[in-house]
PDB file of N, CA and C in Angstrom:
ATOM      1  N   MET A   1     191.787 329.035  26.582  1.00  0.00           N
ATOM      2  CA  MET A   1     191.300 328.578  25.316  1.00  0.00           C
ATOM      3  C   MET A   1     191.242 327.066  25.242  1.00  0.00           C
ATOM      4  N   ALA A   2     192.104 326.385  25.970  1.00  0.00           N
ATOM      5  CA  ALA A   2     192.110 324.924  25.972  1.00  0.00           C
ATOM      6  C   ALA A   2     191.681 324.431  27.354  1.00  0.00           C
ATOM      7  N   TRP A   3     190.799 323.440  27.370  1.00  0.00           N
ATOM      8  CA  TRP A   3     190.278 322.906  28.618  1.00  0.00           C
ATOM      9  C   TRP A   3     190.548 321.411  28.691  1.00  0.00           C
ATOM     10  N   LEU A   4     190.917 320.956  29.867  1.00  0.00           N
ATOM     11  CA  LEU A   4     191.128 319.534  30.121  1.00  0.00           C
ATOM     12  C   LEU A   4     190.256 319.162  31.311  1.00  0.00           C
ATOM     13  N   HIS A   5     189.345 318.211  31.095  1.00  0.00           N
ATOM     14  CA  HIS A   5     188.445 317.759  32.152  1.00  0.00           C
ATOM     15  C   HIS A   5     188.731 316.297  32.415  1.00  0.00           C
ATOM     16  N   ILE A   6     189.093 315.982  33.658  1.00  0.00           N
ATOM     17  CA  ILE A   6     189.435 314.606  34.046  1.00  0.00           C
ATOM     18  C   ILE A   6     188.483 314.158  35.136  1.00  0.00           C
ATOM     19  N   THR A   7     187.944 312.949  34.970  1.00  0.00           N
ATOM     20  CA  THR A   7     187.109 312.333  35.989  1.00  0.00           C
ATOM     21  C   THR A   7     187.770 311.013  36.375  1.00  0.00           C
ATOM     22  N   ALA A   8     188.105 310.887  37.660  1.00  0.00           N
ATOM     23  CA  ALA A   8     188.777 309.671  38.118  1.00  0.00           C
ATOM     24  C   ALA A   8     188.230 309.255  39.480  1.00  0.00           C
ATOM     25  N   PRO A   9     186.995 308.747  39.502  1.00  0.00           N
ATOM     26  CA  PRO A   9     186.437 308.299  40.774  1.00  0.00           C
ATOM     27  C   PRO A   9     187.227 307.107  41.330  1.00  0.00           C
ATOM     28  N   ARG A  10     187.326 307.048  42.620  1.00  0.00           N
ATOM     29  CA  ARG A  10     188.066 305.957  43.258  1.00  0.00           C
ATOM     30  C   ARG A  10     187.428 304.620  42.901  1.00  0.00           C
ATOM     31  N   GLY A  11     188.241 303.714  42.380  1.00  0.00           N
ATOM     32  CA  GLY A  11     187.772 302.381  42.046  1.00  0.00           C
ATOM     33  C   GLY A  11     187.094 302.275  40.686  1.00  0.00           C
ATOM     34  N   ALA A  12     187.053 303.368  39.923  1.00  0.00           N
ATOM     35  CA  ALA A  12     186.406 303.349  38.608  1.00  0.00           C
ATOM     36  C   ALA A  12     187.420 303.704  37.524  1.00  0.00           C
ATOM     37  N   THR A  13     187.041 303.503  36.296  1.00  0.00           N
ATOM     38  CA  THR A  13     187.902 303.808  35.168  1.00  0.00           C
ATOM     39  C   THR A  13     187.927 305.321  34.934  1.00  0.00           C
ATOM     40  N   PRO A  14     189.131 305.910  34.841  1.00  0.00           N
ATOM     41  CA  PRO A  14     189.212 307.360  34.608  1.00  0.00           C
ATOM     42  C   PRO A  14     188.860 307.723  33.170  1.00  0.00           C
ATOM     43  N   THR A  15     188.332 308.924  32.996  1.00  0.00           N
ATOM     44  CA  THR A  15     188.032 309.461  31.671  1.00  0.00           C
ATOM     45  C   THR A  15     188.558 310.895  31.612  1.00  0.00           C
ATOM     46  N   ALA A  16     188.833 311.358  30.397  1.00  0.00           N
ATOM     47  CA  ALA A  16     189.307 312.729  30.219  1.00  0.00           C
ATOM     48  C   ALA A  16     188.820 313.263  28.884  1.00  0.00           C
ATOM     49  N   THR A  17     188.619 314.572  28.837  1.00  0.00           N
ATOM     50  CA  THR A  17     188.227 315.251  27.612  1.00  0.00           C
ATOM     51  C   THR A  17     189.102 316.483  27.453  1.00  0.00           C
ATOM     52  N   SER A  18     189.644 316.666  26.260  1.00  0.00           N
ATOM     53  CA  SER A  18     190.454 317.828  25.929  1.00  0.00           C
ATOM     54  C   SER A  18     189.747 318.591  24.824  1.00  0.00           C
ATOM     55  N   THR A  19     189.365 319.839  25.109  1.00  0.00           N
ATOM     56  CA  THR A  19     188.699 320.673  24.115  1.00  0.00           C
ATOM     57  C   THR A  19     189.414 322.011  24.025  1.00  0.00           C
ATOM     58  N   CYS A  20     189.242 322.671  22.891  1.00  0.00           N
ATOM     59  CA  CYS A  20     189.892 323.958  22.676  1.00  0.00           C
ATOM     60  C   CYS A  20     189.002 324.815  21.783  1.00  0.00           C
ATOM     61  N   ALA A  21     189.143 326.106  21.908  1.00  0.00           N
ATOM     62  CA  ALA A  21     188.376 327.040  21.095  1.00  0.00           C
ATOM     63  C   ALA A  21     188.709 326.921  19.605  1.00  0.00           C
ATOM     64  N   CYS A  22     189.841 326.311  19.264  1.00  0.00           N
ATOM     65  CA  CYS A  22     190.233 326.140  17.866  1.00  0.00           C
ATOM     66  C   CYS A  22     189.469 325.005  17.186  1.00  0.00           C
ATOM     67  N   GLY A  23     188.687 324.246  17.957  1.00  0.00           N
ATOM     68  CA  GLY A  23     187.914 323.153  17.388  1.00  0.00           C
ATOM     69  C   GLY A  23     188.373 321.776  17.839  1.00  0.00           C
ATOM     70  N   ARG A  24     189.438 321.711  18.575  1.00  0.00           N
ATOM     71  CA  ARG A  24     189.954 320.436  19.079  1.00  0.00           C
ATOM     72  C   ARG A  24     188.950 319.839  20.064  1.00  0.00           C
ATOM     73  N   ASP A  25     188.680 318.541  19.940  1.00  0.00           N
ATOM     74  CA  ASP A  25     187.762 317.843  20.836  1.00  0.00           C
ATOM     75  C   ASP A  25     188.170 316.382  20.875  1.00  0.00           C
ATOM     76  N   ARG A  26     188.916 316.006  21.908  1.00  0.00           N
ATOM     77  CA  ARG A  26     189.397 314.625  22.038  1.00  0.00           C
ATOM     78  C   ARG A  26     189.027 314.082  23.408  1.00  0.00           C
ATOM     79  N   SER A  27     188.903 312.751  23.479  1.00  0.00           N
ATOM     80  CA  SER A  27     188.581 312.128  24.755  1.00  0.00           C
ATOM     81  C   SER A  27     189.349 310.830  24.900  1.00  0.00           C
ATOM     82  N   ALA A  28     189.453 310.355  26.148  1.00  0.00           N
ATOM     83  CA  ALA A  28     190.180 309.120  26.444  1.00  0.00           C
ATOM     84  C   ALA A  28     189.523 308.416  27.617  1.00  0.00           C
ATOM     85  N   VAL A  29     189.641 307.094  27.611  1.00  0.00           N
ATOM     86  CA  VAL A  29     189.117 306.261  28.694  1.00  0.00           C
ATOM     87  C   VAL A  29     190.213 305.281  29.097  1.00  0.00           C
ATOM     88  N   GLY A  30     190.461 305.153  30.383  1.00  0.00           N
ATOM     89  CA  GLY A  30     191.476 304.234  30.888  1.00  0.00           C
ATOM     90  C   GLY A  30     192.739 304.978  31.310  1.00  0.00           C
ATOM     91  N   HIS A  31     193.460 304.385  32.242  1.00  0.00           N
ATOM     92  CA  HIS A  31     194.636 305.034  32.826  1.00  0.00           C
ATOM     93  C   HIS A  31     195.664 305.449  31.780  1.00  0.00           C
ATOM     94  N   GLU A  32     196.099 304.527  30.943  1.00  0.00           N
ATOM     95  CA  GLU A  32     197.150 304.825  29.966  1.00  0.00           C
ATOM     96  C   GLU A  32     196.699 305.875  28.956  1.00  0.00           C
ATOM     97  N   ARG A  33     195.488 305.739  28.460  1.00  0.00           N
ATOM     98  CA  ARG A  33     195.000 306.700  27.458  1.00  0.00           C
ATOM     99  C   ARG A  33     194.773 308.082  28.058  1.00  0.00           C
ATOM    100  N   VAL A  34     194.319 308.143  29.295  1.00  0.00           N
ATOM    101  CA  VAL A  34     194.127 309.443  29.951  1.00  0.00           C
ATOM    102  C   VAL A  34     195.476 310.128  30.139  1.00  0.00           C
ATOM    103  N   HIS A  35     196.488 309.383  30.581  1.00  0.00           N
ATOM    104  CA  HIS A  35     197.828 309.962  30.731  1.00  0.00           C
ATOM    105  C   HIS A  35     198.367 310.451  29.383  1.00  0.00           C
ATOM    106  N   ALA A  36     198.123 309.698  28.323  1.00  0.00           N
ATOM    107  CA  ALA A  36     198.563 310.112  26.991  1.00  0.00           C
ATOM    108  C   ALA A  36     197.824 311.373  26.541  1.00  0.00           C
ATOM    109  N   LEU A  37     196.530 311.470  26.851  1.00  0.00           N
ATOM    110  CA  LEU A  37     195.765 312.652  26.477  1.00  0.00           C
ATOM    111  C   LEU A  37     196.240 313.882  27.252  1.00  0.00           C
ATOM    112  N   ILE A  38     196.604 313.709  28.500  1.00  0.00           N
ATOM    113  CA  ILE A  38     197.134 314.824  29.290  1.00  0.00           C
ATOM    114  C   ILE A  38     198.401 315.369  28.631  1.00  0.00           C
ATOM    115  N   ALA A  39     199.304 314.479  28.238  1.00  0.00           N
ATOM    116  CA  ALA A  39     200.542 314.907  27.572  1.00  0.00           C
ATOM    117  C   ALA A  39     200.230 315.575  26.237  1.00  0.00           C
ATOM    118  N   ASP A  40     199.295 315.017  25.488  1.00  0.00           N
ATOM    119  CA  ASP A  40     198.910 315.591  24.197  1.00  0.00           C
ATOM    120  C   ASP A  40     198.262 316.959  24.385  1.00  0.00           C
ATOM    121  N   HIS A  41     197.470 317.123  25.424  1.00  0.00           N
ATOM    122  CA  HIS A  41     196.824 318.400  25.723  1.00  0.00           C
ATOM    123  C   HIS A  41     197.878 319.468  26.027  1.00  0.00           C
ATOM    124  N   GLU A  42     198.888 319.110  26.807  1.00  0.00           N
ATOM    125  CA  GLU A  42     199.958 320.055  27.126  1.00  0.00           C
ATOM    126  C   GLU A  42     200.706 320.472  25.863  1.00  0.00           C
ATOM    127  N   THR A  43     200.954 319.532  24.966  1.00  0.00           N
ATOM    128  CA  THR A  43     201.614 319.850  23.703  1.00  0.00           C
ATOM    129  C   THR A  43     200.739 320.768  22.863  1.00  0.00           C
ATOM    130  N   HIS A  44     199.452 320.483  22.818  1.00  0.00           N
ATOM    131  CA  HIS A  44     198.537 321.311  22.037  1.00  0.00           C
ATOM    132  C   HIS A  44     198.526 322.752  22.542  1.00  0.00           C
ATOM    133  N   ARG A  45     198.597 322.947  23.831  1.00  0.00           N
ATOM    134  CA  ARG A  45     198.600 324.304  24.374  1.00  0.00           C
ATOM    135  C   ARG A  45     199.775 325.116  23.837  1.00  0.00           C
ATOM    136  N   ASP A  46     200.891 324.449  23.550  1.00  0.00           N
ATOM    137  CA  ASP A  46     202.066 325.140  23.006  1.00  0.00           C
ATOM    138  C   ASP A  46     201.983 325.341  21.497  1.00  0.00           C
ATOM    139  N   THR A  47     201.173 324.544  20.817  1.00  0.00           N
ATOM    140  CA  THR A  47     201.134 324.606  19.348  1.00  0.00           C
ATOM    141  C   THR A  47     199.799 325.060  18.776  1.00  0.00           C
ATOM    142  N   CYS A  48     198.833 325.358  19.614  1.00  0.00           N
ATOM    143  CA  CYS A  48     197.502 325.756  19.150  1.00  0.00           C
ATOM    144  C   CYS A  48     197.600 326.993  18.260  1.00  0.00           C
ATOM    145  N   PRO A  49     196.940 326.986  17.101  1.00  0.00           N
ATOM    146  CA  PRO A  49     196.998 328.144  16.214  1.00  0.00           C
ATOM    147  C   PRO A  49     196.387 329.404  16.829  1.00  0.00           C
ATOM    148  N   LEU A  50     195.523 329.272  17.816  1.00  0.00           N
ATOM    149  CA  LEU A  50     194.946 330.443  18.469  1.00  0.00           C
ATOM    150  C   LEU A  50     195.884 331.056  19.506  1.00  0.00           C
ATOM    151  N   ARG A  51     196.868 330.291  19.954  1.00  0.00           N
ATOM    152  CA  ARG A  51     197.792 330.780  20.974  1.00  0.00           C
ATOM    153  C   ARG A  51     199.145 331.169  20.414  1.00  0.00           C
ATOM    154  N   THR A  52     199.500 330.665  19.229  1.00  0.00           N
ATOM    155  CA  THR A  52     200.812 330.968  18.672  1.00  0.00           C
ATOM    156  C   THR A  52     200.759 332.277  17.895  1.00  0.00           C
ATOM    157  N   ASN A  53     201.840 332.959  17.882  1.00  0.00           N
ATOM    158  CA  ASN A  53     201.943 334.235  17.191  1.00  0.00           C
ATOM    159  C   ASN A  53     202.074 333.998  15.699  1.00  0.00           C
ATOM    160  N   GLN A  54     201.126 334.501  14.922  1.00  0.00           N
ATOM    161  CA  GLN A  54     201.140 334.304  13.474  1.00  0.00           C
ATOM    162  C   GLN A  54     201.994 335.354  12.760  1.00  0.00           C
ATOM    163  N   GLU A  55     202.407 336.391  13.456  1.00  0.00           N
ATOM    164  CA  GLU A  55     203.184 337.457  12.840  1.00  0.00           C
ATOM    165  C   GLU A  55     204.535 336.934  12.363  1.00  0.00           C
ATOM    166  N   GLY A  56     204.899 337.273  11.154  1.00  0.00           N
ATOM    167  CA  GLY A  56     206.177 336.872  10.618  1.00  0.00           C
ATOM    168  C   GLY A  56     206.175 335.528   9.931  1.00  0.00           C
ATOM    169  N   ARG A  57     205.055 334.823   9.915  1.00  0.00           N
ATOM    170  CA  ARG A  57     204.981 333.529   9.250  1.00  0.00           C
ATOM    171  C   ARG A  57     204.732 333.724   7.767  1.00  0.00           C
ATOM    172  N   ASN A  58     205.294 332.844   6.963  1.00  0.00           N
ATOM    173  CA  ASN A  58     205.086 332.906   5.517  1.00  0.00           C
ATOM    174  C   ASN A  58     203.767 332.248   5.152  1.00  0.00           C
ATOM    175  N   ALA A  59     203.101 332.800   4.172  1.00  0.00           N
ATOM    176  CA  ALA A  59     201.850 332.198   3.688  1.00  0.00           C
ATOM    177  C   ALA A  59     202.153 330.897   2.973  1.00  0.00           C
ATOM    178  N   ALA A  60     201.245 329.963   3.058  1.00  0.00           N
ATOM    179  CA  ALA A  60     201.443 328.656   2.420  1.00  0.00           C
ATOM    180  C   ALA A  60     201.249 328.727   0.935  1.00  0.00           C
TER     181      ALA A  60
END
């Protein structure tokens, strides 16, 4: 459900895109931002509303 696409050609600036079936669509350019997006993508995979079990949750 969540996809992470990283492009890092040798000698060029890396880019990354994080998308998910829940509507998430984020991108990053540069070493530091790409690394931050990778960490954020991993966190999203654990907290995505499409992947978490909604059973037993209270209505808002």
